[in-house]
Amino acid sequence: MRRTTLDFDELNELDSVRQLEKQVKGTSKKRGGSIFIAAIPYDEYFGKMYISPEEMNTRIDLAKQIEDVMLWVFAYWIIAKDADIPIDEVKQDARDKLISVIARHTKLDPYLEEHINKVIDEVVDVTARRADSDAYWTSQDRAMLIAEDEANAFENYNKYREAKAQGKTKKVWLTELDDKVRLSHELSEGQTVDIDGLFLVGGSQMRFPKDTMYDPAPEEIINCRCVCEYK
């Protein structure tokens, strides 16, 4: 089964702050014996990526809209649980809301629709399973973390489609070259392949950073800030 880019809940179950900080760009909080990832402001998160100011603003705007959807999902789940609304109904309403956001941003296709479905399934399932255990699971921190990650996922795919439509023939994997870049991505810096080729990153194959088509390992896509340069 294809994975999505969303699995911060997996990261939040790691038992070491050091492990967390190696895989995510941000800080961590400890509450009740558990470690939780704290989001950072969008302008700081996207402002340090290898993208233009215009692209930064595009991703920030998209992330804010996705954050609003996630906070709506969290609130809806709390109401739905008390009102005995079926979880499948919650998921369908949440899918419709996220689809509306993404459709305003870019043209939908089967890849995006499947991705949206899996994101919503995971968000709702984890919220249903964990919301009663700690306020984190319905918090703005979690909503922002999901929003940052998914804004990159959607926009990276959008840029890939645009490059193909423009007749670009090559693509280059670029990292942020800072101390947050995971080793497998650092080793992929500058890797160049044909536009329809696949990057090999830590044993996973991807058409672009955060691509889920070929079932990459979660640790290669969670909170990845890499981008492609198209030529």
Protein backbone atom coordinates (compact mmCIF):
# COMPACT_ATOMS: atom_id res chain seq x y z
CA MET A 1 0.00 0.00 0.00
CA ARG A 2 1.36 3.41 -0.92
CA ARG A 3 2.34 5.60 2.01
CA THR A 4 1.64 9.30 2.21
CA THR A 5 3.96 12.02 3.45
CA LEU A 6 1.94 12.27 6.60
CA ASP A 7 3.24 10.32 9.56
CA PHE A 8 4.13 12.80 12.27
CA ASP A 9 2.26 10.53 14.65
CA GLU A 10 4.94 7.90 14.04
CA LEU A 11 7.63 10.44 14.78
CA ASN A 12 5.85 11.51 17.95
CA GLU A 13 6.20 7.99 19.32
CA LEU A 14 10.00 8.01 19.13
CA ASP A 15 11.61 7.83 22.55
CA SER A 16 14.44 10.30 22.00
CA VAL A 17 14.58 14.05 21.46
CA ARG A 18 17.81 13.46 19.55
CA GLN A 19 16.03 11.11 17.15
CA LEU A 20 13.25 13.63 16.66
CA GLU A 21 15.60 16.50 15.95
CA LYS A 22 17.51 14.44 13.37
CA GLN A 23 14.30 13.89 11.37
CA VAL A 24 12.32 17.11 11.77
CA LYS A 25 13.04 20.79 11.51
CA GLY A 26 11.62 22.23 14.68
CA THR A 27 11.68 21.87 18.42
CA SER A 28 10.21 19.27 20.71
CA LYS A 29 8.08 19.44 23.82
CA LYS A 30 7.80 16.90 26.61
CA ARG A 31 4.48 16.46 28.36
CA GLY A 32 3.42 13.67 30.65
CA GLY A 33 6.40 11.54 29.70
CA SER A 34 5.73 11.85 25.96
CA ILE A 35 7.65 13.84 23.37
CA PHE A 36 5.75 16.01 20.91
CA ILE A 37 6.98 18.02 17.94
CA ALA A 38 6.36 21.76 18.07
CA ALA A 39 5.68 23.57 14.81
CA ILE A 40 7.63 26.67 13.80
CA PRO A 41 6.25 29.74 12.01
CA TYR A 42 5.56 29.30 8.31
CA ASP A 43 7.74 32.18 7.20
CA GLU A 44 10.71 30.64 9.00
CA TYR A 45 10.00 27.10 7.81
CA PHE A 46 9.47 27.93 4.13
CA GLY A 47 11.80 30.96 4.18
CA LYS A 48 14.83 28.70 4.59
CA MET A 49 13.94 26.43 1.69
CA TYR A 50 15.68 26.62 -1.68
CA ILE A 51 12.75 28.40 -3.34
CA SER A 52 11.98 31.88 -4.64
CA PRO A 53 10.12 34.46 -2.52
CA GLU A 54 7.10 33.99 -4.77
CA GLU A 55 7.15 30.23 -4.27
CA MET A 56 7.63 30.72 -0.53
CA ASN A 57 4.47 32.84 -0.39
CA THR A 58 2.57 30.26 -2.43
CA ARG A 59 3.50 27.50 0.02
CA ILE A 60 2.74 29.63 3.06
CA ASP A 61 -0.70 30.50 1.68
CA LEU A 62 -1.43 26.84 0.93
CA ALA A 63 -0.17 25.73 4.35
CA LYS A 64 -2.46 28.22 6.10
CA GLN A 65 -5.46 26.85 4.21
CA ILE A 66 -4.50 23.25 5.02
CA GLU A 67 -4.02 24.19 8.67
CA ASP A 68 -7.57 25.57 8.72
CA VAL A 69 -8.85 22.28 7.31
CA MET A 70 -6.96 20.26 9.93
CA LEU A 71 -8.27 22.39 12.81
CA TRP A 72 -11.77 21.97 11.37
CA VAL A 73 -11.26 18.19 11.24
CA PHE A 74 -10.12 18.11 14.87
CA ALA A 75 -13.14 20.14 16.00
CA TYR A 76 -15.50 18.09 13.84
CA TRP A 77 -14.21 14.86 15.32
CA ILE A 78 -14.89 16.06 18.88
CA ILE A 79 -18.46 16.95 17.89
CA ALA A 80 -18.92 13.77 15.86
CA LYS A 81 -17.80 11.54 18.70
CA ASP A 82 -20.35 13.03 21.08
CA ALA A 83 -23.07 12.99 18.41
CA ASP A 84 -22.32 9.41 17.28
CA ILE A 85 -21.60 10.56 13.73
CA PRO A 86 -19.93 7.64 11.83
CA ILE A 87 -16.21 8.03 11.24
CA ASP A 88 -16.69 7.41 7.51
CA GLU A 89 -18.95 10.43 7.35
CA VAL A 90 -16.32 12.54 9.09
CA LYS A 91 -13.72 11.35 6.59
CA GLN A 92 -15.92 12.12 3.58
CA ASP A 93 -16.69 15.64 4.81
CA ALA A 94 -12.99 16.19 5.55
CA ARG A 95 -11.99 14.93 2.09
CA ASP A 96 -14.45 17.30 0.47
CA LYS A 97 -13.02 20.21 2.44
CA LEU A 98 -9.39 19.42 1.58
CA ILE A 99 -10.25 18.71 -2.07
CA SER A 100 -11.86 22.15 -2.25
CA VAL A 101 -8.63 23.76 -1.00
CA ILE A 102 -6.33 21.84 -3.35
CA ALA A 103 -8.64 22.30 -6.35
CA ARG A 104 -8.35 26.07 -5.92
CA HIS A 105 -4.57 25.73 -5.88
CA THR A 106 -3.97 23.28 -8.72
CA LYS A 107 -5.69 20.89 -11.10
CA LEU A 108 -6.75 17.63 -9.48
CA ASP A 109 -5.76 14.28 -10.96
CA PRO A 110 -5.85 10.64 -9.75
CA TYR A 111 -2.49 10.97 -7.95
CA LEU A 112 -3.64 14.00 -5.96
CA GLU A 113 -7.04 12.53 -5.23
CA GLU A 114 -5.50 9.34 -3.85
CA HIS A 115 -3.03 11.35 -1.81
CA ILE A 116 -5.83 13.46 -0.32
CA ASN A 117 -7.80 10.34 0.56
CA LYS A 118 -4.87 8.79 2.38
CA VAL A 119 -4.00 11.99 4.23
CA ILE A 120 -7.54 12.34 5.52
CA ASP A 121 -7.79 8.65 6.44
CA GLU A 122 -4.62 8.91 8.52
CA VAL A 123 -5.49 12.23 10.14
CA VAL A 124 -8.98 11.14 11.17
CA ASP A 125 -7.93 7.64 12.28
CA VAL A 126 -5.12 8.96 14.48
CA THR A 127 -7.29 11.74 15.88
CA ALA A 128 -9.99 9.22 16.76
CA ARG A 129 -7.45 6.94 18.40
CA ARG A 130 -5.46 9.56 20.32
CA ALA A 131 -7.60 12.68 20.88
CA ASP A 132 -8.69 11.61 24.37
CA SER A 133 -5.12 10.91 25.51
CA ASP A 134 -3.56 14.36 25.10
CA ALA A 135 -4.52 17.80 23.81
CA TYR A 136 -1.66 17.65 21.30
CA TRP A 137 -3.69 15.50 18.91
CA THR A 138 -6.18 18.32 18.31
CA SER A 139 -3.68 21.16 18.70
CA GLN A 140 -2.52 23.92 16.38
CA ASP A 141 1.02 22.48 16.55
CA ARG A 142 -0.18 19.25 14.97
CA ALA A 143 -2.30 21.11 12.42
CA MET A 144 0.67 23.28 11.40
CA LEU A 145 3.05 20.33 11.14
CA ILE A 146 0.65 18.53 8.84
CA ALA A 147 0.08 21.73 6.86
CA GLU A 148 3.79 22.40 6.33
CA ASP A 149 4.44 18.86 5.21
CA GLU A 150 1.45 18.64 2.90
CA ALA A 151 1.98 22.08 1.34
CA ASN A 152 5.41 20.86 0.26
CA ALA A 153 3.98 17.58 -1.01
CA PHE A 154 1.29 19.23 -3.13
CA GLU A 155 3.50 22.00 -4.46
CA ASN A 156 6.42 19.70 -5.31
CA TYR A 157 4.06 17.61 -7.42
CA ASN A 158 2.62 20.74 -9.02
CA LYS A 159 6.11 21.92 -9.99
CA TYR A 160 6.90 18.49 -11.45
CA ARG A 161 3.79 18.60 -13.64
CA GLU A 162 4.55 22.17 -14.73
CA ALA A 163 8.13 21.25 -15.69
CA LYS A 164 6.93 18.35 -17.83
CA ALA A 165 4.33 20.55 -19.53
CA GLN A 166 7.04 23.13 -20.27
CA GLY A 167 9.20 20.53 -21.99
CA LYS A 168 11.96 20.41 -19.36
CA THR A 169 14.16 17.34 -19.79
CA LYS A 170 16.26 17.12 -16.60
CA LYS A 171 15.75 17.51 -12.87
CA VAL A 172 18.20 18.00 -10.00
CA TRP A 173 17.63 17.07 -6.34
CA LEU A 174 18.48 20.00 -4.04
CA THR A 175 18.63 20.02 -0.24
CA GLU A 176 18.82 22.90 2.23
CA LEU A 177 22.45 22.05 3.06
CA ASP A 178 21.92 22.78 6.75
CA ASP A 179 22.27 20.70 9.90
CA LYS A 180 18.67 19.49 9.68
CA VAL A 181 19.14 17.63 6.38
CA ARG A 182 19.10 13.87 6.92
CA LEU A 183 22.17 11.97 5.68
CA SER A 184 20.39 10.12 2.86
CA HIS A 185 19.18 13.44 1.44
CA GLU A 186 22.54 15.11 1.92
CA LEU A 187 24.06 12.29 -0.16
CA SER A 188 21.44 12.95 -2.85
CA GLU A 189 22.33 16.63 -3.21
CA GLY A 190 22.91 17.42 -6.90
CA GLN A 191 21.66 14.03 -8.13
CA THR A 192 20.49 14.60 -11.72
CA VAL A 193 18.13 12.39 -13.72
CA ASP A 194 15.90 12.64 -16.79
CA ILE A 195 12.55 14.36 -16.27
CA ASP A 196 10.76 10.98 -16.24
CA GLY A 197 13.51 9.27 -14.26
CA LEU A 198 13.61 8.33 -10.60
CA PHE A 199 15.87 9.65 -7.88
CA LEU A 200 17.33 7.02 -5.57
CA VAL A 201 17.26 8.43 -2.05
CA GLY A 202 18.25 6.23 0.86
CA GLY A 203 17.04 3.16 -1.00
CA SER A 204 13.71 4.75 -1.98
CA GLN A 205 12.72 5.82 -5.49
CA MET A 206 10.98 9.15 -6.07
CA ARG A 207 10.12 11.32 -9.05
CA PHE A 208 10.52 14.41 -6.86
CA PRO A 209 10.93 15.12 -3.13
CA LYS A 210 7.96 13.77 -1.13
CA ASP A 211 6.67 11.67 -4.04
CA THR A 212 4.70 8.66 -2.79
CA MET A 213 4.15 6.85 -6.11
CA TYR A 214 6.77 4.16 -5.48
CA ASP A 215 6.11 3.53 -1.78
CA PRO A 216 9.16 5.30 -0.29
CA ALA A 217 10.24 4.67 3.28
CA PRO A 218 8.49 7.12 5.66
CA GLU A 219 11.81 8.44 6.96
CA GLU A 220 12.67 9.65 3.45
CA ILE A 221 9.56 11.81 3.05
CA ILE A 222 8.44 12.94 6.50
CA ASN A 223 9.05 16.69 6.80
CA CYS A 224 11.40 16.70 3.80
CA ARG A 225 12.30 20.24 2.68
CA CYS A 226 14.14 19.21 -0.50
CA VAL A 227 13.07 20.51 -3.90
CA CYS A 228 13.86 19.93 -7.57
CA GLU A 229 15.50 22.23 -10.05
CA TYR A 230 14.18 21.57 -13.54
CA LYS A 231 16.16 22.17 -16.72
